[in-house]
N, C-alpha and C. Protein backbone atom coordinates (compact mmCIF):
# COMPACT_ATOMS: atom_id res chain seq x y z
N UNK A 1 56.13 207.79 180.68
CA UNK A 1 54.78 208.17 180.33
C UNK A 1 53.92 208.49 181.54
N UNK A 2 54.34 208.19 182.72
CA UNK A 2 53.56 208.53 183.89
C UNK A 2 52.33 207.66 184.10
N UNK A 3 52.30 206.52 183.49
CA UNK A 3 51.14 205.63 183.62
C UNK A 3 50.86 205.28 185.06
N UNK A 4 51.89 204.95 185.80
CA UNK A 4 51.69 204.55 187.18
C UNK A 4 51.10 205.69 187.99
N UNK A 5 51.62 206.91 187.77
CA UNK A 5 51.10 208.06 188.50
C UNK A 5 49.64 208.32 188.16
N UNK A 6 49.29 208.23 186.87
CA UNK A 6 47.91 208.43 186.47
C UNK A 6 47.01 207.39 187.10
N UNK A 7 47.48 206.17 187.16
CA UNK A 7 46.70 205.10 187.76
C UNK A 7 46.40 205.41 189.21
N UNK A 8 47.38 205.92 189.93
CA UNK A 8 47.19 206.20 191.35
C UNK A 8 46.16 207.31 191.54
N UNK A 9 46.18 208.29 190.66
CA UNK A 9 45.21 209.36 190.78
C UNK A 9 43.80 208.84 190.53
N UNK A 10 43.66 207.91 189.59
CA UNK A 10 42.34 207.40 189.25
C UNK A 10 41.80 206.48 190.33
N UNK A 11 42.67 205.75 190.99
CA UNK A 11 42.19 204.78 191.94
C UNK A 11 42.29 205.28 193.37
N UNK A 12 42.95 206.42 193.58
CA UNK A 12 43.16 206.97 194.91
C UNK A 12 43.87 205.98 195.83
N UNK A 13 44.71 205.12 195.26
CA UNK A 13 45.46 204.16 196.04
C UNK A 13 46.94 204.44 195.89
N UNK A 14 47.68 204.25 196.97
CA UNK A 14 49.13 204.37 196.93
C UNK A 14 49.69 203.16 196.21
N UNK A 15 50.94 203.26 195.69
CA UNK A 15 51.53 202.12 194.99
C UNK A 15 51.53 200.84 195.83
N UNK A 16 51.81 200.97 197.10
CA UNK A 16 51.84 199.80 197.98
C UNK A 16 50.47 199.13 198.04
N UNK A 17 49.41 199.93 198.07
CA UNK A 17 48.06 199.37 198.10
C UNK A 17 47.69 198.73 196.76
N UNK A 18 48.13 199.36 195.66
CA UNK A 18 47.87 198.78 194.34
C UNK A 18 48.57 197.45 194.21
N UNK A 19 49.82 197.40 194.64
CA UNK A 19 50.58 196.16 194.58
C UNK A 19 49.90 195.09 195.43
N UNK A 20 49.51 195.45 196.63
CA UNK A 20 48.86 194.50 197.54
C UNK A 20 47.59 193.93 196.90
N UNK A 21 46.76 194.81 196.36
CA UNK A 21 45.51 194.37 195.73
C UNK A 21 45.78 193.47 194.52
N UNK A 22 46.77 193.84 193.74
CA UNK A 22 47.09 193.06 192.54
C UNK A 22 47.58 191.67 192.91
N UNK A 23 48.50 191.60 193.87
CA UNK A 23 49.03 190.29 194.28
C UNK A 23 47.91 189.42 194.83
N UNK A 24 47.07 189.99 195.69
CA UNK A 24 45.96 189.23 196.25
C UNK A 24 45.03 188.72 195.14
N UNK A 25 44.70 189.61 194.21
CA UNK A 25 43.80 189.23 193.12
C UNK A 25 44.41 188.12 192.26
N UNK A 26 45.69 188.24 191.95
CA UNK A 26 46.34 187.21 191.13
C UNK A 26 46.42 185.88 191.87
N UNK A 27 46.68 185.93 193.17
CA UNK A 27 46.73 184.70 193.97
C UNK A 27 45.36 184.03 193.97
N UNK A 28 44.31 184.82 194.16
CA UNK A 28 42.96 184.28 194.18
C UNK A 28 42.57 183.71 192.81
N UNK A 29 42.96 184.40 191.74
CA UNK A 29 42.66 183.90 190.40
C UNK A 29 43.39 182.59 190.12
N UNK A 30 44.54 182.43 190.72
CA UNK A 30 45.31 181.18 190.56
C UNK A 30 44.81 180.10 191.52
N UNK A 31 43.81 180.42 192.31
CA UNK A 31 43.26 179.48 193.30
C UNK A 31 44.32 178.96 194.26
N UNK A 32 45.16 179.87 194.71
CA UNK A 32 46.21 179.53 195.66
C UNK A 32 45.89 180.12 197.03
N UNK A 33 46.13 179.34 198.06
CA UNK A 33 46.03 179.89 199.41
C UNK A 33 47.34 180.61 199.71
N UNK A 34 47.35 181.39 200.78
CA UNK A 34 48.60 182.03 201.18
C UNK A 34 49.67 180.99 201.48
N UNK A 35 49.28 179.91 202.09
CA UNK A 35 50.25 178.84 202.40
C UNK A 35 50.85 178.25 201.13
N UNK A 36 50.01 178.04 200.14
CA UNK A 36 50.51 177.49 198.87
C UNK A 36 51.47 178.47 198.19
N UNK A 37 51.09 179.76 198.19
CA UNK A 37 51.96 180.77 197.61
C UNK A 37 53.27 180.85 198.39
N UNK A 38 53.18 180.72 199.68
CA UNK A 38 54.37 180.73 200.52
C UNK A 38 55.31 179.60 200.15
N UNK A 39 54.76 178.43 199.92
CA UNK A 39 55.59 177.28 199.54
C UNK A 39 56.24 177.49 198.17
N UNK A 40 55.48 178.07 197.24
CA UNK A 40 56.00 178.31 195.90
C UNK A 40 57.09 179.38 195.87
N UNK A 41 56.95 180.38 196.72
CA UNK A 41 57.87 181.51 196.71
C UNK A 41 59.01 181.37 197.71
N UNK A 42 58.84 180.48 198.66
CA UNK A 42 59.78 180.34 199.78
C UNK A 42 59.86 181.64 200.59
N UNK A 43 58.70 182.30 200.68
CA UNK A 43 58.53 183.50 201.50
C UNK A 43 57.53 183.12 202.58
N UNK A 44 57.76 183.57 203.80
CA UNK A 44 56.89 183.13 204.90
C UNK A 44 55.45 183.58 204.70
N UNK A 45 54.56 182.73 205.17
CA UNK A 45 53.13 183.00 205.09
C UNK A 45 52.78 184.35 205.76
N UNK A 46 53.26 184.63 206.99
CA UNK A 46 52.92 185.91 207.61
C UNK A 46 53.41 187.12 206.81
N UNK A 47 54.61 186.99 206.23
CA UNK A 47 55.15 188.11 205.45
C UNK A 47 54.32 188.34 204.18
N UNK A 48 53.93 187.25 203.51
CA UNK A 48 53.06 187.39 202.34
C UNK A 48 51.74 188.04 202.71
N UNK A 49 51.19 187.65 203.84
CA UNK A 49 49.95 188.24 204.32
C UNK A 49 50.11 189.75 204.53
N UNK A 50 51.23 190.14 205.11
CA UNK A 50 51.48 191.56 205.33
C UNK A 50 51.67 192.31 204.02
N UNK A 51 52.29 191.68 203.04
CA UNK A 51 52.43 192.29 201.72
C UNK A 51 51.06 192.49 201.10
N UNK A 52 50.21 191.47 201.17
CA UNK A 52 48.86 191.57 200.60
C UNK A 52 48.00 192.61 201.29
N UNK A 53 48.30 192.91 202.52
CA UNK A 53 47.55 193.94 203.24
C UNK A 53 48.21 195.31 203.13
N UNK A 54 49.30 195.40 202.37
CA UNK A 54 49.96 196.67 202.15
C UNK A 54 50.78 197.15 203.32
N UNK A 55 51.16 196.26 204.21
CA UNK A 55 51.90 196.64 205.41
C UNK A 55 53.41 196.65 205.20
N UNK A 56 53.87 195.94 204.16
CA UNK A 56 55.30 195.88 203.88
C UNK A 56 55.55 196.06 202.40
N UNK A 57 56.69 196.65 202.08
CA UNK A 57 57.15 196.77 200.69
C UNK A 57 58.16 195.67 200.44
N UNK A 58 57.84 194.71 199.61
CA UNK A 58 58.75 193.60 199.38
C UNK A 58 59.99 194.01 198.59
N UNK A 59 61.06 193.27 198.80
CA UNK A 59 62.30 193.48 198.06
C UNK A 59 62.12 193.00 196.62
N UNK A 60 63.07 193.33 195.78
CA UNK A 60 63.05 192.88 194.40
C UNK A 60 63.10 191.36 194.33
N UNK A 61 63.89 190.76 195.18
CA UNK A 61 63.98 189.29 195.23
C UNK A 61 62.61 188.67 195.53
N UNK A 62 61.91 189.22 196.52
CA UNK A 62 60.59 188.70 196.88
C UNK A 62 59.59 188.95 195.75
N UNK A 63 59.66 190.13 195.13
CA UNK A 63 58.76 190.41 194.00
C UNK A 63 58.99 189.42 192.85
N UNK A 64 60.24 189.10 192.59
CA UNK A 64 60.53 188.12 191.53
C UNK A 64 59.95 186.75 191.87
N UNK A 65 60.09 186.35 193.12
CA UNK A 65 59.55 185.06 193.54
C UNK A 65 58.04 185.03 193.40
N UNK A 66 57.39 186.10 193.81
CA UNK A 66 55.93 186.19 193.71
C UNK A 66 55.50 186.19 192.24
N UNK A 67 56.20 186.96 191.42
CA UNK A 67 55.88 187.02 189.99
C UNK A 67 55.99 185.64 189.35
N UNK A 68 57.06 184.93 189.65
CA UNK A 68 57.24 183.59 189.09
C UNK A 68 56.12 182.65 189.53
N UNK A 69 55.79 182.70 190.81
CA UNK A 69 54.76 181.80 191.34
C UNK A 69 53.38 182.11 190.76
N UNK A 70 53.11 183.39 190.49
CA UNK A 70 51.79 183.79 189.98
C UNK A 70 51.75 183.87 188.46
N UNK A 71 52.88 183.57 187.83
CA UNK A 71 52.97 183.59 186.38
C UNK A 71 52.64 184.97 185.80
N UNK A 72 53.18 186.00 186.43
CA UNK A 72 53.10 187.36 185.90
C UNK A 72 54.53 187.87 185.78
N UNK A 73 54.72 188.91 185.00
CA UNK A 73 56.07 189.42 184.83
C UNK A 73 56.49 190.22 186.07
N UNK A 74 57.78 190.19 186.34
CA UNK A 74 58.32 191.00 187.43
C UNK A 74 58.08 192.47 187.12
N UNK A 75 58.17 192.83 185.85
CA UNK A 75 57.93 194.22 185.44
C UNK A 75 56.53 194.69 185.84
N UNK A 76 55.56 193.82 185.68
CA UNK A 76 54.19 194.17 186.05
C UNK A 76 54.11 194.47 187.55
N UNK A 77 54.73 193.63 188.36
CA UNK A 77 54.72 193.88 189.80
C UNK A 77 55.46 195.17 190.14
N UNK A 78 56.56 195.44 189.44
CA UNK A 78 57.30 196.69 189.68
C UNK A 78 56.46 197.91 189.31
N UNK A 79 55.67 197.78 188.25
CA UNK A 79 54.77 198.87 187.87
C UNK A 79 53.74 199.11 188.96
N UNK A 80 53.12 198.03 189.44
CA UNK A 80 52.12 198.17 190.50
C UNK A 80 52.74 198.72 191.78
N UNK A 81 54.01 198.41 192.01
CA UNK A 81 54.70 198.90 193.20
C UNK A 81 55.10 200.37 193.04
N UNK A 82 54.94 200.90 191.82
CA UNK A 82 55.30 202.30 191.58
C UNK A 82 56.80 202.50 191.42
N UNK A 83 57.52 201.42 191.15
CA UNK A 83 58.97 201.50 191.04
C UNK A 83 59.45 201.79 189.62
N UNK A 84 58.60 201.48 188.64
CA UNK A 84 58.91 201.82 187.25
C UNK A 84 57.64 202.30 186.58
N UNK A 85 57.82 203.12 185.57
CA UNK A 85 56.71 203.53 184.74
C UNK A 85 56.57 202.53 183.61
N UNK A 86 55.35 202.36 183.16
CA UNK A 86 55.11 201.50 182.01
C UNK A 86 55.90 202.08 180.85
N UNK A 87 56.51 201.24 180.06
CA UNK A 87 57.40 201.72 178.99
C UNK A 87 56.66 202.37 177.83
N UNK A 88 55.36 202.47 177.92
CA UNK A 88 54.61 203.16 176.88
C UNK A 88 54.60 202.41 175.57
N UNK A 89 54.17 201.18 175.57
CA UNK A 89 54.11 200.39 174.35
C UNK A 89 53.21 201.05 173.32
N UNK A 90 52.48 202.02 173.74
CA UNK A 90 51.65 202.77 172.82
C UNK A 90 50.51 203.45 173.54
N UNK A 91 50.03 204.54 172.93
CA UNK A 91 48.93 205.27 173.53
C UNK A 91 47.67 204.42 173.62
N UNK A 92 47.48 203.52 172.65
CA UNK A 92 46.31 202.66 172.67
C UNK A 92 46.32 201.75 173.89
N UNK A 93 47.48 201.17 174.19
CA UNK A 93 47.58 200.28 175.35
C UNK A 93 47.39 201.08 176.62
N UNK A 94 47.99 202.27 176.69
CA UNK A 94 47.83 203.11 177.88
C UNK A 94 46.36 203.48 178.07
N UNK A 95 45.68 203.80 176.99
CA UNK A 95 44.26 204.16 177.08
C UNK A 95 43.44 202.96 177.55
N UNK A 96 43.76 201.79 177.03
CA UNK A 96 43.04 200.58 177.45
C UNK A 96 43.30 200.30 178.92
N UNK A 97 44.56 200.40 179.35
CA UNK A 97 44.90 200.20 180.77
C UNK A 97 44.11 201.16 181.65
N UNK A 98 44.10 202.44 181.28
CA UNK A 98 43.38 203.45 182.08
C UNK A 98 41.89 203.15 182.13
N UNK A 99 41.33 202.74 181.00
CA UNK A 99 39.89 202.44 180.96
C UNK A 99 39.55 201.28 181.88
N UNK A 100 40.36 200.24 181.82
CA UNK A 100 40.10 199.07 182.66
C UNK A 100 40.26 199.43 184.13
N UNK A 101 41.33 200.14 184.46
CA UNK A 101 41.60 200.49 185.86
C UNK A 101 40.55 201.43 186.46
N UNK A 102 39.95 202.25 185.62
CA UNK A 102 39.01 203.23 186.15
C UNK A 102 37.55 202.76 186.13
N UNK A 103 37.29 201.59 185.58
CA UNK A 103 35.91 201.09 185.49
C UNK A 103 35.46 200.55 186.85
N UNK A 104 34.67 201.31 187.54
CA UNK A 104 34.21 200.96 188.89
C UNK A 104 33.11 199.90 188.89
N UNK A 105 32.66 199.49 187.71
CA UNK A 105 31.67 198.41 187.65
C UNK A 105 32.34 197.06 187.90
N UNK A 106 33.67 197.03 187.79
CA UNK A 106 34.43 195.80 188.02
C UNK A 106 35.06 195.82 189.40
N UNK A 107 35.22 194.65 189.96
CA UNK A 107 35.93 194.56 191.24
C UNK A 107 37.43 194.69 190.98
N UNK A 108 38.20 194.88 192.03
CA UNK A 108 39.66 194.98 191.88
C UNK A 108 40.21 193.70 191.27
N UNK A 109 39.70 192.56 191.71
CA UNK A 109 40.17 191.28 191.17
C UNK A 109 39.83 191.17 189.69
N UNK A 110 38.66 191.60 189.30
CA UNK A 110 38.26 191.55 187.90
C UNK A 110 39.12 192.48 187.05
N UNK A 111 39.39 193.69 187.56
CA UNK A 111 40.25 194.62 186.83
C UNK A 111 41.65 194.03 186.66
N UNK A 112 42.20 193.44 187.73
CA UNK A 112 43.54 192.85 187.67
C UNK A 112 43.57 191.70 186.66
N UNK A 113 42.54 190.87 186.67
CA UNK A 113 42.49 189.74 185.75
C UNK A 113 42.38 190.22 184.30
N UNK A 114 41.53 191.20 184.07
CA UNK A 114 41.35 191.72 182.72
C UNK A 114 42.64 192.36 182.21
N UNK A 115 43.31 193.12 183.07
CA UNK A 115 44.59 193.71 182.68
C UNK A 115 45.63 192.64 182.36
N UNK A 116 45.68 191.61 183.17
CA UNK A 116 46.65 190.54 182.93
C UNK A 116 46.39 189.86 181.59
N UNK A 117 45.13 189.57 181.30
CA UNK A 117 44.78 188.93 180.03
C UNK A 117 45.09 189.87 178.87
N UNK A 118 44.69 191.12 178.99
CA UNK A 118 44.93 192.10 177.94
C UNK A 118 46.42 192.23 177.64
N UNK A 119 47.22 192.37 178.70
CA UNK A 119 48.67 192.52 178.51
C UNK A 119 49.28 191.27 177.91
N UNK A 120 48.79 190.10 178.29
CA UNK A 120 49.35 188.87 177.72
C UNK A 120 49.08 188.81 176.22
N UNK A 121 47.90 189.26 175.79
CA UNK A 121 47.60 189.27 174.36
C UNK A 121 48.49 190.27 173.63
N UNK A 122 48.66 191.45 174.20
CA UNK A 122 49.51 192.47 173.57
C UNK A 122 50.95 191.96 173.46
N UNK A 123 51.47 191.38 174.55
CA UNK A 123 52.84 190.87 174.53
C UNK A 123 52.99 189.74 173.51
N UNK A 124 52.01 188.86 173.42
CA UNK A 124 52.07 187.77 172.45
C UNK A 124 52.07 188.29 171.03
N UNK A 125 51.25 189.30 170.77
CA UNK A 125 51.18 189.88 169.43
C UNK A 125 52.47 190.61 169.08
N UNK A 126 53.08 191.27 170.06
CA UNK A 126 54.35 191.97 169.81
C UNK A 126 55.46 190.96 169.55
N UNK A 127 55.42 189.81 170.21
CA UNK A 127 56.43 188.78 170.01
C UNK A 127 56.32 188.16 168.62
N UNK A 128 55.11 188.15 168.07
CA UNK A 128 54.89 187.57 166.75
C UNK A 128 55.37 188.49 165.62
N UNK A 129 55.62 189.74 165.94
CA UNK A 129 56.03 190.70 164.88
C UNK A 129 57.45 190.55 164.51
């Protein structure tokens, strides 16, 4: 569906920058310091810092560790990294994602939090079907 590509056009951010912002926002929402996240992921503090600043592209193994520690899906991190397109659970979800991502009245952390909550509700409702 090209969701990731559309997101990049709307935010003028490269996938690496989107991933960095998302990870930082999720870490802050979880009230974790870089050191705490480092301990949870078994990834070095300096390397996590570089990932959050968009200086390095983490491996799949590191993304999985970060996803587990932040309680987000690995798929979500892969989407933010630009490695997979959203599977298109529906045009309504894509429209909601685009609306949230493009709303400049919200900070990056607020957009990331709102998307995470929205997606968790959608996934829970799909699991109930």
